[in-house]
């Protein structure tokens, strides 16, 4: 039996009144906020980020019609679970890129093509996005990535291999790179 919130979300969706569906998903790092528009996944909020602030931002930048609708994000939750279990190397989800524009969007699209278990430098991302001198801007694009994990900005490192920053914190970035086999597990 569906609960009343799911029924409300379903009815809002059927009537064209649901522009942004959201839910939370468990991860080894804490709860993730997942949000999607009819076009695709638009936001993944990391545990270190304020979920209510992210929802307010979505309401301001995408649409005020934001509603919790977990079933709309079942595929994303399933794929993230498989990723964290080490059983998924490529996400197959439609993405809505509207929260990124111009150069930042080009950088993020280039990041989305970095294969599982591989890394690239910020310089390589700037070149891929069409401006080899915009290395700092490529770093800013990583830092403002609205769809981390699925658009794997954790795979972007400084030249020379230093980790650089990460919105979820360096321990999370290190753990993700270990999961993908890029870094060795120090316990081995």
N, C-alpha and C. Protein backbone atom coordinates (compact mmCIF):
# COMPACT_ATOMS: atom_id res chain seq x y z
N UNK A 1 0.83 -1.19 0.00
CA UNK A 1 0.00 0.00 0.00
C UNK A 1 0.87 1.25 0.00
N UNK A 2 0.57 2.16 -0.89
CA UNK A 2 1.35 3.38 -0.99
C UNK A 2 0.98 4.34 0.12
N UNK A 3 2.00 5.05 0.62
CA UNK A 3 1.68 6.03 1.65
C UNK A 3 1.13 7.30 1.01
N UNK A 4 0.56 8.16 1.81
CA UNK A 4 -0.11 9.35 1.28
C UNK A 4 0.85 10.30 0.58
N UNK A 5 2.09 10.37 1.03
CA UNK A 5 3.08 11.24 0.39
C UNK A 5 3.38 10.74 -1.02
N UNK A 6 3.53 9.42 -1.18
CA UNK A 6 3.77 8.87 -2.51
C UNK A 6 2.57 9.11 -3.42
N UNK A 7 1.37 8.98 -2.87
CA UNK A 7 0.16 9.25 -3.66
C UNK A 7 0.09 10.70 -4.09
N UNK A 8 0.45 11.61 -3.18
CA UNK A 8 0.47 13.03 -3.50
C UNK A 8 1.48 13.31 -4.61
N UNK A 9 2.67 12.74 -4.48
CA UNK A 9 3.71 12.94 -5.49
C UNK A 9 3.27 12.37 -6.84
N UNK A 10 2.65 11.20 -6.81
CA UNK A 10 2.18 10.57 -8.04
C UNK A 10 1.11 11.42 -8.71
N UNK A 11 0.19 11.94 -7.92
CA UNK A 11 -0.87 12.78 -8.47
C UNK A 11 -0.30 14.08 -9.03
N UNK A 12 0.64 14.69 -8.29
CA UNK A 12 1.27 15.92 -8.77
C UNK A 12 2.00 15.67 -10.09
N UNK A 13 2.67 14.54 -10.18
CA UNK A 13 3.38 14.19 -11.41
C UNK A 13 2.40 13.98 -12.55
N UNK A 14 1.32 13.23 -12.30
CA UNK A 14 0.31 12.96 -13.33
C UNK A 14 -0.32 14.25 -13.84
N UNK A 15 -0.44 15.24 -12.97
CA UNK A 15 -1.08 16.50 -13.36
C UNK A 15 -0.08 17.54 -13.84
N UNK A 16 1.18 17.13 -13.99
CA UNK A 16 2.19 18.05 -14.49
C UNK A 16 2.61 19.11 -13.49
N UNK A 17 2.43 18.83 -12.20
CA UNK A 17 2.74 19.81 -11.16
C UNK A 17 4.03 19.50 -10.41
N UNK A 18 4.72 18.45 -10.80
CA UNK A 18 5.96 18.07 -10.12
C UNK A 18 7.13 18.33 -11.06
N UNK A 19 7.88 19.36 -10.77
CA UNK A 19 9.02 19.70 -11.61
C UNK A 19 10.32 19.10 -11.09
N UNK A 20 10.43 18.96 -9.77
CA UNK A 20 11.64 18.39 -9.16
C UNK A 20 11.21 17.38 -8.10
N UNK A 21 11.58 16.13 -8.34
CA UNK A 21 11.33 15.07 -7.36
C UNK A 21 12.62 14.85 -6.59
N UNK A 22 12.49 14.58 -5.29
CA UNK A 22 13.70 14.32 -4.51
C UNK A 22 13.47 13.21 -3.51
N UNK A 23 14.58 12.67 -3.04
CA UNK A 23 14.58 11.67 -1.98
C UNK A 23 15.97 11.64 -1.39
N UNK A 24 16.13 10.82 -0.38
CA UNK A 24 17.47 10.59 0.17
C UNK A 24 17.86 9.14 -0.11
N UNK A 25 19.15 8.91 -0.11
CA UNK A 25 19.69 7.57 -0.33
C UNK A 25 20.83 7.36 0.65
N UNK A 26 20.93 6.15 1.15
CA UNK A 26 22.04 5.83 2.05
C UNK A 26 23.31 5.66 1.24
N UNK A 27 24.43 5.99 1.88
CA UNK A 27 25.75 5.74 1.29
C UNK A 27 26.70 5.40 2.43
N UNK A 28 27.86 4.87 2.13
CA UNK A 28 28.82 4.59 3.20
C UNK A 28 29.30 5.85 3.92
N UNK A 29 29.01 7.02 3.36
CA UNK A 29 29.48 8.29 3.91
C UNK A 29 28.39 9.06 4.64
N UNK A 30 27.17 8.58 4.53
CA UNK A 30 26.03 9.27 5.11
C UNK A 30 24.96 9.47 4.05
N UNK A 31 23.86 10.13 4.41
CA UNK A 31 22.76 10.28 3.46
C UNK A 31 23.10 11.21 2.29
N UNK A 32 22.65 10.79 1.12
CA UNK A 32 22.76 11.60 -0.09
C UNK A 32 21.39 12.16 -0.42
N UNK A 33 21.34 13.37 -0.94
CA UNK A 33 20.10 13.94 -1.46
C UNK A 33 20.11 13.72 -2.96
N UNK A 34 19.06 13.12 -3.49
CA UNK A 34 18.94 12.92 -4.93
C UNK A 34 17.74 13.71 -5.43
N UNK A 35 17.92 14.42 -6.53
CA UNK A 35 16.82 15.19 -7.11
C UNK A 35 16.83 15.02 -8.62
N UNK A 36 15.63 14.93 -9.20
CA UNK A 36 15.50 14.76 -10.64
C UNK A 36 14.37 15.61 -11.18
N UNK A 37 14.55 16.03 -12.41
CA UNK A 37 13.49 16.68 -13.17
C UNK A 37 12.99 15.64 -14.17
N UNK A 38 11.98 15.95 -14.95
CA UNK A 38 11.56 14.99 -15.98
C UNK A 38 12.68 14.67 -16.98
N UNK A 39 13.67 15.56 -17.11
CA UNK A 39 14.79 15.31 -18.04
C UNK A 39 15.82 14.35 -17.46
N UNK A 40 15.95 14.30 -16.12
CA UNK A 40 16.94 13.40 -15.52
C UNK A 40 17.44 13.89 -14.18
N UNK A 41 18.44 13.19 -13.67
CA UNK A 41 19.06 13.52 -12.39
C UNK A 41 19.68 14.90 -12.48
N UNK A 42 19.28 15.79 -11.58
CA UNK A 42 19.75 17.17 -11.64
C UNK A 42 20.67 17.51 -10.46
N UNK A 43 20.54 16.74 -9.36
CA UNK A 43 21.33 17.08 -8.17
C UNK A 43 21.60 15.84 -7.34
N UNK A 44 22.85 15.72 -6.89
CA UNK A 44 23.24 14.75 -5.88
C UNK A 44 23.89 15.57 -4.78
N UNK A 45 23.25 15.62 -3.64
CA UNK A 45 23.81 16.34 -2.49
C UNK A 45 24.60 15.38 -1.63
N UNK A 46 25.83 15.75 -1.31
CA UNK A 46 26.69 14.90 -0.49
C UNK A 46 26.37 15.07 0.98
N UNK A 47 26.78 14.12 1.81
CA UNK A 47 26.47 14.20 3.25
C UNK A 47 27.00 15.47 3.92
N UNK A 48 28.07 16.04 3.39
CA UNK A 48 28.64 17.26 3.97
C UNK A 48 27.85 18.51 3.59
N UNK A 49 26.88 18.39 2.71
CA UNK A 49 26.11 19.53 2.25
C UNK A 49 24.75 19.60 2.95
N UNK A 50 24.24 20.79 3.10
CA UNK A 50 22.96 21.03 3.77
C UNK A 50 21.81 20.71 2.82
N UNK A 51 21.09 19.63 3.08
CA UNK A 51 20.02 19.18 2.19
C UNK A 51 18.93 20.24 2.04
N UNK A 52 18.53 20.90 3.12
CA UNK A 52 17.47 21.90 3.00
C UNK A 52 17.94 23.09 2.16
N UNK A 53 19.20 23.45 2.27
CA UNK A 53 19.75 24.52 1.44
C UNK A 53 19.79 24.11 -0.03
N UNK A 54 20.12 22.86 -0.30
CA UNK A 54 20.14 22.38 -1.68
C UNK A 54 18.72 22.37 -2.27
N UNK A 55 17.74 21.98 -1.47
CA UNK A 55 16.34 21.99 -1.95
C UNK A 55 15.87 23.42 -2.21
N UNK A 56 16.26 24.35 -1.34
CA UNK A 56 15.90 25.76 -1.55
C UNK A 56 16.54 26.28 -2.84
N UNK A 57 17.78 25.87 -3.09
CA UNK A 57 18.46 26.29 -4.31
C UNK A 57 17.75 25.72 -5.54
N UNK A 58 17.33 24.45 -5.47
CA UNK A 58 16.58 23.87 -6.58
C UNK A 58 15.27 24.61 -6.81
N UNK A 59 14.60 24.96 -5.73
CA UNK A 59 13.33 25.70 -5.85
C UNK A 59 13.56 27.06 -6.50
N UNK A 60 14.67 27.70 -6.20
CA UNK A 60 14.98 29.01 -6.77
C UNK A 60 15.47 28.92 -8.21
N UNK A 61 16.28 27.93 -8.51
CA UNK A 61 16.94 27.86 -9.82
C UNK A 61 16.22 27.00 -10.85
N UNK A 62 15.43 26.03 -10.39
CA UNK A 62 14.76 25.13 -11.34
C UNK A 62 13.25 25.39 -11.32
N UNK A 63 12.63 25.20 -10.17
CA UNK A 63 11.18 25.40 -10.04
C UNK A 63 10.80 25.32 -8.57
N UNK A 64 9.83 26.10 -8.14
CA UNK A 64 9.37 25.97 -6.76
C UNK A 64 8.55 24.70 -6.52
N UNK A 65 8.22 23.99 -7.58
CA UNK A 65 7.43 22.77 -7.46
C UNK A 65 8.36 21.58 -7.21
N UNK A 66 8.82 21.50 -5.97
CA UNK A 66 9.75 20.47 -5.50
C UNK A 66 8.99 19.61 -4.51
N UNK A 67 9.03 18.29 -4.70
CA UNK A 67 8.27 17.40 -3.83
C UNK A 67 9.02 16.10 -3.63
N UNK A 68 8.98 15.58 -2.42
CA UNK A 68 9.59 14.29 -2.16
C UNK A 68 8.81 13.22 -2.92
N UNK A 69 9.53 12.48 -3.75
CA UNK A 69 8.90 11.45 -4.59
C UNK A 69 9.93 10.35 -4.82
N UNK A 70 10.13 9.54 -3.80
CA UNK A 70 11.17 8.50 -3.82
C UNK A 70 11.11 7.57 -5.02
N UNK A 71 9.92 7.10 -5.44
CA UNK A 71 9.89 6.16 -6.56
C UNK A 71 10.51 6.72 -7.85
N UNK A 72 10.44 8.03 -8.05
CA UNK A 72 11.02 8.63 -9.26
C UNK A 72 12.54 8.51 -9.28
N UNK A 73 13.14 8.21 -8.13
CA UNK A 73 14.60 8.14 -8.05
C UNK A 73 15.09 6.73 -7.72
N UNK A 74 14.23 5.74 -7.87
CA UNK A 74 14.61 4.36 -7.57
C UNK A 74 15.82 3.90 -8.39
N UNK A 75 15.85 4.22 -9.68
CA UNK A 75 16.97 3.78 -10.53
C UNK A 75 18.28 4.39 -10.05
N UNK A 76 18.26 5.65 -9.70
CA UNK A 76 19.47 6.32 -9.21
C UNK A 76 19.93 5.69 -7.90
N UNK A 77 19.00 5.44 -7.01
CA UNK A 77 19.37 4.81 -5.72
C UNK A 77 19.96 3.42 -5.95
N UNK A 78 19.33 2.65 -6.81
CA UNK A 78 19.83 1.29 -7.10
C UNK A 78 21.24 1.33 -7.67
N UNK A 79 21.46 2.22 -8.64
CA UNK A 79 22.78 2.30 -9.26
C UNK A 79 23.83 2.80 -8.28
N UNK A 80 23.49 3.74 -7.43
CA UNK A 80 24.45 4.19 -6.42
C UNK A 80 24.78 3.07 -5.44
N UNK A 81 23.78 2.30 -5.02
CA UNK A 81 24.04 1.15 -4.14
C UNK A 81 25.03 0.19 -4.79
N UNK A 82 24.80 -0.13 -6.06
CA UNK A 82 25.69 -1.05 -6.77
C UNK A 82 27.09 -0.47 -6.91
N UNK A 83 27.17 0.82 -7.15
CA UNK A 83 28.48 1.48 -7.25
C UNK A 83 29.24 1.34 -5.93
N UNK A 84 28.58 1.66 -4.82
CA UNK A 84 29.25 1.59 -3.52
C UNK A 84 29.63 0.15 -3.14
N UNK A 85 28.92 -0.82 -3.69
CA UNK A 85 29.25 -2.23 -3.47
C UNK A 85 30.36 -2.71 -4.39
N UNK A 86 30.83 -1.84 -5.30
CA UNK A 86 31.87 -2.21 -6.25
C UNK A 86 31.37 -3.04 -7.41
N UNK A 87 30.05 -3.01 -7.65
CA UNK A 87 29.44 -3.84 -8.70
C UNK A 87 29.00 -3.04 -9.92
N UNK A 88 29.19 -1.73 -9.91
CA UNK A 88 28.77 -0.90 -11.03
C UNK A 88 29.92 0.04 -11.38
N UNK A 89 30.29 0.05 -12.64
CA UNK A 89 31.39 0.93 -13.06
C UNK A 89 30.93 2.07 -13.95
N UNK A 90 29.74 1.97 -14.51
CA UNK A 90 29.20 3.02 -15.38
C UNK A 90 27.75 3.29 -15.02
N UNK A 91 27.46 4.53 -14.67
CA UNK A 91 26.07 4.91 -14.40
C UNK A 91 25.34 5.03 -15.73
N UNK A 92 24.10 4.59 -15.73
CA UNK A 92 23.25 4.69 -16.91
C UNK A 92 21.97 5.41 -16.49
N UNK A 93 22.11 6.70 -16.29
CA UNK A 93 20.99 7.52 -15.85
C UNK A 93 20.88 8.75 -16.75
N UNK A 94 19.67 9.16 -17.09
CA UNK A 94 19.55 10.44 -17.80
C UNK A 94 19.94 11.56 -16.85
N UNK A 95 20.67 12.54 -17.38
CA UNK A 95 21.12 13.67 -16.56
C UNK A 95 20.52 14.96 -17.08
N UNK A 96 20.18 15.83 -16.17
CA UNK A 96 19.70 17.17 -16.49
C UNK A 96 20.83 18.13 -16.13
N UNK A 97 21.43 18.74 -17.12
CA UNK A 97 22.62 19.59 -16.95
C UNK A 97 22.29 21.05 -16.67
N UNK A 98 21.05 21.41 -16.43
CA UNK A 98 20.67 22.82 -16.38
C UNK A 98 21.32 23.63 -15.27
N UNK A 99 21.86 23.01 -14.24
CA UNK A 99 22.50 23.78 -13.16
C UNK A 99 23.93 24.18 -13.50
N UNK A 100 24.42 23.77 -14.66
CA UNK A 100 25.76 24.13 -15.12
C UNK A 100 25.65 24.79 -16.49
N UNK A 101 26.44 25.80 -16.70
CA UNK A 101 26.38 26.53 -17.97
C UNK A 101 27.76 26.61 -18.61
N UNK A 102 27.77 26.80 -19.91
CA UNK A 102 28.94 27.15 -20.70
C UNK A 102 30.18 26.30 -20.40
N UNK A 103 31.28 26.95 -20.02
CA UNK A 103 32.55 26.25 -19.79
C UNK A 103 32.40 25.20 -18.70
N UNK A 104 31.71 25.55 -17.62
CA UNK A 104 31.53 24.58 -16.52
C UNK A 104 30.82 23.33 -17.02
N UNK A 105 29.80 23.51 -17.82
CA UNK A 105 29.08 22.36 -18.35
C UNK A 105 29.99 21.52 -19.24
N UNK A 106 30.81 22.17 -20.06
CA UNK A 106 31.73 21.42 -20.93
C UNK A 106 32.72 20.62 -20.09
N UNK A 107 33.22 21.22 -19.00
CA UNK A 107 34.13 20.50 -18.11
C UNK A 107 33.42 19.29 -17.50
N UNK A 108 32.21 19.49 -17.00
CA UNK A 108 31.48 18.39 -16.36
C UNK A 108 31.15 17.27 -17.35
N UNK A 109 30.84 17.63 -18.57
CA UNK A 109 30.58 16.60 -19.58
C UNK A 109 31.86 15.80 -19.87
N UNK A 110 33.00 16.48 -19.87
CA UNK A 110 34.28 15.79 -20.05
C UNK A 110 34.56 14.87 -18.86
N UNK A 111 34.26 15.34 -17.66
CA UNK A 111 34.45 14.52 -16.46
C UNK A 111 33.57 13.28 -16.52
N UNK A 112 32.36 13.43 -17.02
CA UNK A 112 31.43 12.29 -17.11
C UNK A 112 31.99 11.18 -18.00
N UNK A 113 32.94 11.51 -18.86
CA UNK A 113 33.53 10.51 -19.77
C UNK A 113 34.79 9.85 -19.19
N UNK A 114 35.24 10.26 -18.01
CA UNK A 114 36.43 9.63 -17.41
C UNK A 114 36.04 8.22 -16.98
N UNK A 115 36.71 7.20 -17.49
CA UNK A 115 36.34 5.83 -17.14
C UNK A 115 36.59 5.50 -15.67
N UNK A 116 35.80 4.60 -15.17
CA UNK A 116 35.95 4.06 -13.81
C UNK A 116 37.39 3.57 -13.63
N UNK A 117 37.97 3.90 -12.49
CA UNK A 117 39.32 3.45 -12.19
C UNK A 117 40.42 4.25 -12.84
N UNK A 118 40.08 5.35 -13.50
CA UNK A 118 41.07 6.22 -14.11
C UNK A 118 40.92 7.63 -13.57
N UNK A 119 41.97 8.42 -13.71
CA UNK A 119 41.91 9.82 -13.29
C UNK A 119 42.41 10.71 -14.41
N UNK A 120 42.11 11.98 -14.28
CA UNK A 120 42.60 13.01 -15.18
C UNK A 120 43.01 14.20 -14.32
N UNK A 121 43.76 15.10 -14.92
CA UNK A 121 44.18 16.30 -14.20
C UNK A 121 43.22 17.45 -14.52
N UNK A 122 43.27 18.48 -13.69
CA UNK A 122 42.47 19.68 -13.95
C UNK A 122 42.88 20.27 -15.30
N UNK A 123 44.18 20.20 -15.63
CA UNK A 123 44.66 20.70 -16.91
C UNK A 123 44.03 19.93 -18.06
N UNK A 124 43.97 18.62 -17.94
CA UNK A 124 43.34 17.81 -18.99
C UNK A 124 41.86 18.16 -19.15
N UNK A 125 41.20 18.46 -18.04
CA UNK A 125 39.79 18.82 -18.12
C UNK A 125 39.61 20.17 -18.81
N UNK A 126 40.51 21.12 -18.52
CA UNK A 126 40.44 22.43 -19.18
C UNK A 126 40.63 22.26 -20.69
N UNK A 127 41.60 21.43 -21.07
CA UNK A 127 41.84 21.18 -22.50
C UNK A 127 40.62 20.52 -23.13
N UNK A 128 40.05 19.52 -22.46
CA UNK A 128 38.87 18.83 -22.98
C UNK A 128 37.69 19.76 -23.17
N UNK A 129 37.62 20.78 -22.33
CA UNK A 129 36.51 21.73 -22.40
C UNK A 129 36.79 22.88 -23.37
N UNK A 130 37.99 22.87 -23.98
CA UNK A 130 38.26 23.85 -25.02
C UNK A 130 39.07 25.07 -24.62
N UNK A 131 39.65 25.08 -23.41
CA UNK A 131 40.46 26.24 -23.02
C UNK A 131 41.59 25.76 -22.11
N UNK A 132 42.72 25.47 -22.71
CA UNK A 132 43.84 24.89 -21.97
C UNK A 132 44.38 25.79 -20.86
N UNK A 133 44.09 27.09 -20.94
CA UNK A 133 44.60 28.01 -19.91
C UNK A 133 43.63 28.19 -18.74
N UNK A 134 42.46 27.58 -18.82
CA UNK A 134 41.42 27.76 -17.79
C UNK A 134 41.47 26.65 -16.76
N UNK A 135 42.65 26.36 -16.23
CA UNK A 135 42.80 25.27 -15.28
C UNK A 135 42.05 25.57 -13.98
N UNK A 136 42.17 26.79 -13.48
CA UNK A 136 41.43 27.16 -12.25
C UNK A 136 39.93 27.08 -12.47
N UNK A 137 39.49 27.51 -13.62
CA UNK A 137 38.05 27.44 -13.93
C UNK A 137 37.59 25.98 -14.00
N UNK A 138 38.45 25.10 -14.49
CA UNK A 138 38.10 23.67 -14.50
C UNK A 138 37.97 23.17 -13.06
N UNK A 139 38.86 23.62 -12.18
CA UNK A 139 38.76 23.26 -10.77
C UNK A 139 37.47 23.79 -10.15
N UNK A 140 37.10 25.01 -10.52
CA UNK A 140 35.85 25.59 -10.02
C UNK A 140 34.65 24.79 -10.51
N UNK A 141 34.71 24.33 -11.76
CA UNK A 141 33.63 23.50 -12.30
C UNK A 141 33.49 22.21 -11.48
N UNK A 142 34.63 21.62 -11.13
CA UNK A 142 34.59 20.41 -10.29
C UNK A 142 33.95 20.73 -8.94
N UNK A 143 34.37 21.84 -8.36
CA UNK A 143 33.86 22.22 -7.04
C UNK A 143 32.39 22.57 -7.02
N UNK A 144 31.85 22.95 -8.18
CA UNK A 144 30.43 23.31 -8.24
C UNK A 144 29.60 22.23 -8.92
N UNK A 145 30.17 21.06 -9.10
CA UNK A 145 29.48 19.95 -9.76
C UNK A 145 28.18 19.61 -9.03
N UNK A 146 27.02 19.79 -9.67
CA UNK A 146 25.76 19.48 -8.99
C UNK A 146 25.42 17.99 -8.96
N UNK A 147 26.19 17.17 -9.70
CA UNK A 147 25.87 15.74 -9.78
C UNK A 147 27.11 14.91 -9.45
N UNK A 148 27.74 15.15 -8.28
CA UNK A 148 28.93 14.37 -7.96
C UNK A 148 28.59 12.88 -7.85
N UNK A 149 29.61 12.06 -7.89
CA UNK A 149 29.52 10.60 -7.92
C UNK A 149 29.13 10.13 -9.31
N UNK A 150 27.97 10.55 -9.79
CA UNK A 150 27.52 10.15 -11.12
C UNK A 150 28.36 10.86 -12.19
N UNK A 151 28.63 12.14 -11.99
CA UNK A 151 29.62 12.88 -12.79
C UNK A 151 30.84 12.92 -11.88
N UNK A 152 31.79 12.00 -12.10
CA UNK A 152 32.80 11.65 -11.10
C UNK A 152 33.96 12.64 -10.96
N UNK A 153 33.67 13.80 -10.40
CA UNK A 153 34.72 14.81 -10.20
C UNK A 153 35.78 14.32 -9.22
N UNK A 154 35.49 13.28 -8.46
CA UNK A 154 36.51 12.71 -7.57
C UNK A 154 37.66 12.10 -8.38
N UNK A 155 37.46 11.88 -9.67
CA UNK A 155 38.51 11.31 -10.53
C UNK A 155 39.44 12.38 -11.11
N UNK A 156 39.24 13.64 -10.74
CA UNK A 156 40.08 14.72 -11.23
C UNK A 156 41.08 15.10 -10.14
N UNK A 157 42.36 15.06 -10.50
CA UNK A 157 43.45 15.33 -9.56
C UNK A 157 44.29 16.50 -10.05
N UNK A 158 45.12 17.00 -9.16
CA UNK A 158 46.08 18.02 -9.55
C UNK A 158 47.16 17.39 -10.43
N UNK A 159 47.80 18.22 -11.22
CA UNK A 159 48.95 17.74 -11.99
C UNK A 159 49.97 17.19 -11.00
N UNK A 160 50.56 16.08 -11.30
CA UNK A 160 51.50 15.46 -10.38
C UNK A 160 50.83 14.44 -9.48
N UNK A 161 49.49 14.34 -9.52
CA UNK A 161 48.79 13.30 -8.79
C UNK A 161 48.26 13.66 -7.42
N UNK A 162 48.51 14.89 -6.92
CA UNK A 162 47.93 15.29 -5.63
C UNK A 162 46.40 15.31 -5.75
N UNK A 163 45.73 15.01 -4.67
CA UNK A 163 44.28 14.85 -4.72
C UNK A 163 43.52 16.12 -5.07
N UNK A 164 43.97 17.26 -4.60
CA UNK A 164 43.18 18.47 -4.79
C UNK A 164 42.03 18.47 -3.81
N UNK A 165 40.98 19.20 -4.10
CA UNK A 165 39.85 19.29 -3.19
C UNK A 165 38.72 18.36 -3.59
N UNK A 166 37.68 18.35 -2.75
CA UNK A 166 36.47 17.59 -3.05
C UNK A 166 35.35 18.09 -2.15
N UNK A 167 34.18 18.28 -2.72
CA UNK A 167 33.05 18.79 -1.97
C UNK A 167 32.63 17.92 -0.80
N UNK A 168 32.89 16.64 -0.89
CA UNK A 168 32.56 15.71 0.19
C UNK A 168 33.68 15.55 1.19
N UNK A 169 34.79 16.25 0.96
CA UNK A 169 35.96 16.16 1.83
C UNK A 169 36.98 15.18 1.27
N UNK A 170 38.23 15.39 1.61
CA UNK A 170 39.30 14.52 1.09
C UNK A 170 39.17 13.07 1.52
N UNK A 171 38.74 12.77 2.76
CA UNK A 171 38.57 11.34 3.11
C UNK A 171 37.58 10.63 2.18
N UNK A 172 36.52 11.31 1.79
CA UNK A 172 35.54 10.71 0.87
C UNK A 172 36.18 10.51 -0.51
N UNK A 173 36.91 11.51 -0.99
CA UNK A 173 37.57 11.39 -2.29
C UNK A 173 38.55 10.22 -2.28
N UNK A 174 39.34 10.12 -1.23
CA UNK A 174 40.28 9.01 -1.11
C UNK A 174 39.55 7.67 -1.11
N UNK A 175 38.46 7.57 -0.36
CA UNK A 175 37.71 6.32 -0.27
C UNK A 175 37.12 5.94 -1.63
N UNK A 176 36.62 6.91 -2.38
CA UNK A 176 36.06 6.64 -3.70
C UNK A 176 37.15 6.15 -4.66
N UNK A 177 38.32 6.78 -4.58
CA UNK A 177 39.42 6.37 -5.45
C UNK A 177 39.94 4.98 -5.05
N UNK A 178 39.89 4.67 -3.77
CA UNK A 178 40.25 3.31 -3.32
C UNK A 178 39.24 2.28 -3.84
N UNK A 179 37.96 2.63 -3.73
CA UNK A 179 36.90 1.76 -4.23
C UNK A 179 37.13 1.42 -5.70
N UNK A 180 37.56 2.41 -6.47
CA UNK A 180 37.76 2.23 -7.90
C UNK A 180 39.15 1.64 -8.23
N UNK A 181 39.96 1.40 -7.22
CA UNK A 181 41.26 0.80 -7.45
C UNK A 181 42.35 1.76 -7.88
N UNK A 182 42.08 3.06 -7.80
CA UNK A 182 43.08 4.06 -8.18
C UNK A 182 44.13 4.20 -7.08
N UNK A 183 43.68 4.20 -5.84
CA UNK A 183 44.59 4.26 -4.68
C UNK A 183 44.60 2.92 -3.98
N UNK A 184 45.72 2.58 -3.44
CA UNK A 184 45.81 1.33 -2.68
C UNK A 184 45.21 1.52 -1.30
N UNK A 185 44.58 0.48 -0.82
CA UNK A 185 44.02 0.48 0.52
C UNK A 185 45.17 0.35 1.52
N UNK A 186 45.35 1.29 2.45
CA UNK A 186 46.49 1.23 3.37
C UNK A 186 46.40 0.05 4.33
N UNK A 187 45.23 -0.58 4.45
CA UNK A 187 45.07 -1.73 5.36
C UNK A 187 45.62 -3.01 4.75
N UNK A 188 46.03 -2.97 3.51
CA UNK A 188 46.54 -4.19 2.85
C UNK A 188 48.04 -4.24 2.89
